[in-house]
């Protein structure tokens, strides 16, 4: 999987979970600041990432995922 494919999958997940128009999702979108994701929303998103990409994400690593691009880079690195 390349970066564009990973971005598109993650963007689709974010669009569904956070009810945001898919066309407004960019790599710099911040989960907490731009989406107002609370801790429960974010944990659910991380669990979806794990299921979708087959990567285990520790709590420590999850705390470092602030933007869409950071999530994309993480899953590509840990596939």
C-alpha atoms as a PDB file:
ATOM      1  CA  UNK A   1       0.000   0.000   0.000  1.00  0.00           C
ATOM      2  CA  UNK A   2       1.312   3.417  -0.889  1.00  0.00           C
ATOM      3  CA  UNK A   3       0.869   6.721   0.914  1.00  0.00           C
ATOM      4  CA  UNK A   4      -2.037   7.890  -1.254  1.00  0.00           C
ATOM      5  CA  UNK A   5      -3.976   4.665  -0.696  1.00  0.00           C
ATOM      6  CA  UNK A   6      -3.384   4.827   3.063  1.00  0.00           C
ATOM      7  CA  UNK A   7      -4.416   8.496   3.145  1.00  0.00           C
ATOM      8  CA  UNK A   8      -7.628   7.759   1.248  1.00  0.00           C
ATOM      9  CA  UNK A   9      -8.569   4.885   3.568  1.00  0.00           C
ATOM     10  CA  UNK A  10      -7.877   6.960   6.672  1.00  0.00           C
ATOM     11  CA  UNK A  11      -9.693   9.988   5.243  1.00  0.00           C
ATOM     12  CA  UNK A  12     -12.737   7.814   4.554  1.00  0.00           C
ATOM     13  CA  UNK A  13     -12.612   6.503   8.129  1.00  0.00           C
ATOM     14  CA  UNK A  14     -12.362  10.041   9.536  1.00  0.00           C
ATOM     15  CA  UNK A  15     -15.213  11.220   7.329  1.00  0.00           C
ATOM     16  CA  UNK A  16     -17.462   8.411   8.560  1.00  0.00           C
ATOM     17  CA  UNK A  17     -16.523   8.526  12.213  1.00  0.00           C
ATOM     18  CA  UNK A  18     -16.401  12.285  12.713  1.00  0.00           C
ATOM     19  CA  UNK A  19     -19.174  13.171  10.253  1.00  0.00           C
ATOM     20  CA  UNK A  20     -17.050  15.549   8.198  1.00  0.00           C
ATOM     21  CA  UNK A  21     -17.264  16.096   4.450  1.00  0.00           C
ATOM     22  CA  UNK A  22     -14.599  13.933   2.784  1.00  0.00           C
ATOM     23  CA  UNK A  23     -13.508  16.814   0.539  1.00  0.00           C
ATOM     24  CA  UNK A  24     -12.511  18.876   3.601  1.00  0.00           C
ATOM     25  CA  UNK A  25     -10.041  16.292   4.907  1.00  0.00           C
ATOM     26  CA  UNK A  26      -6.394  17.181   4.419  1.00  0.00           C
ATOM     27  CA  UNK A  27      -3.204  15.674   5.758  1.00  0.00           C
ATOM     28  CA  UNK A  28      -2.801  18.532   8.222  1.00  0.00           C
ATOM     29  CA  UNK A  29      -6.221  17.981   9.788  1.00  0.00           C
ATOM     30  CA  UNK A  30      -5.733  17.728  13.550  1.00  0.00           C
ATOM     31  CA  UNK A  31      -7.920  15.232  15.402  1.00  0.00           C
ATOM     32  CA  UNK A  32      -8.287  17.242  18.588  1.00  0.00           C
ATOM     33  CA  UNK A  33      -8.172  20.812  17.297  1.00  0.00           C
ATOM     34  CA  UNK A  34     -10.005  20.511  13.992  1.00  0.00           C
ATOM     35  CA  UNK A  35     -12.390  17.648  14.737  1.00  0.00           C
ATOM     36  CA  UNK A  36     -12.963  18.293  18.437  1.00  0.00           C
ATOM     37  CA  UNK A  37     -12.350  14.584  19.027  1.00  0.00           C
ATOM     38  CA  UNK A  38     -12.710  13.662  22.665  1.00  0.00           C
ATOM     39  CA  UNK A  39     -10.730  10.794  24.159  1.00  0.00           C
ATOM     40  CA  UNK A  40     -13.449   8.214  23.473  1.00  0.00           C
ATOM     41  CA  UNK A  41     -13.774   9.294  19.825  1.00  0.00           C
ATOM     42  CA  UNK A  42     -10.022   9.097  19.399  1.00  0.00           C
ATOM     43  CA  UNK A  43      -9.719   5.660  21.040  1.00  0.00           C
ATOM     44  CA  UNK A  44     -12.440   4.352  18.728  1.00  0.00           C
ATOM     45  CA  UNK A  45     -10.578   5.795  15.754  1.00  0.00           C
ATOM     46  CA  UNK A  46      -7.310   4.148  16.858  1.00  0.00           C
ATOM     47  CA  UNK A  47      -9.083   0.792  17.248  1.00  0.00           C
ATOM     48  CA  UNK A  48     -10.487   1.192  13.726  1.00  0.00           C
ATOM     49  CA  UNK A  49      -6.981   1.953  12.442  1.00  0.00           C
ATOM     50  CA  UNK A  50      -5.692  -1.221  14.075  1.00  0.00           C
ATOM     51  CA  UNK A  51      -8.472  -3.304  12.535  1.00  0.00           C
ATOM     52  CA  UNK A  52      -8.185  -1.755   9.087  1.00  0.00           C
ATOM     53  CA  UNK A  53      -4.411  -1.864   8.763  1.00  0.00           C
ATOM     54  CA  UNK A  54      -3.527  -4.811  10.995  1.00  0.00           C
ATOM     55  CA  UNK A  55      -1.113  -2.713  13.033  1.00  0.00           C
ATOM     56  CA  UNK A  56      -0.959  -2.626  16.801  1.00  0.00           C
ATOM     57  CA  UNK A  57      -0.891   0.897  18.178  1.00  0.00           C
ATOM     58  CA  UNK A  58       0.276   1.326  21.749  1.00  0.00           C
ATOM     59  CA  UNK A  59      -1.209   4.044  23.938  1.00  0.00           C
ATOM     60  CA  UNK A  60       2.152   5.805  23.777  1.00  0.00           C
ATOM     61  CA  UNK A  61       2.163   5.744  19.968  1.00  0.00           C
ATOM     62  CA  UNK A  62      -1.493   6.789  19.782  1.00  0.00           C
ATOM     63  CA  UNK A  63      -0.718   9.928  21.787  1.00  0.00           C
ATOM     64  CA  UNK A  64       1.711  10.967  19.026  1.00  0.00           C
ATOM     65  CA  UNK A  65      -0.950  10.758  16.309  1.00  0.00           C
ATOM     66  CA  UNK A  66      -2.210  14.306  16.039  1.00  0.00           C
ATOM     67  CA  UNK A  67      -2.844  14.706  12.321  1.00  0.00           C
ATOM     68  CA  UNK A  68      -4.030  12.610   9.400  1.00  0.00           C
ATOM     69  CA  UNK A  69      -0.492  12.622   7.954  1.00  0.00           C
ATOM     70  CA  UNK A  70       0.943  11.291  11.214  1.00  0.00           C
ATOM     71  CA  UNK A  71      -1.597   8.464  11.186  1.00  0.00           C
ATOM     72  CA  UNK A  72      -0.761   7.672   7.543  1.00  0.00           C
ATOM     73  CA  UNK A  73       2.981   7.625   8.244  1.00  0.00           C
ATOM     74  CA  UNK A  74       2.465   5.407  11.289  1.00  0.00           C
ATOM     75  CA  UNK A  75       0.418   2.749   9.521  1.00  0.00           C
ATOM     76  CA  UNK A  76       2.765   2.667   6.542  1.00  0.00           C
ATOM     77  CA  UNK A  77       5.739   2.207   8.844  1.00  0.00           C
ATOM     78  CA  UNK A  78       4.047  -0.530  10.905  1.00  0.00           C
ATOM     79  CA  UNK A  79       2.354  -2.695   8.286  1.00  0.00           C
END
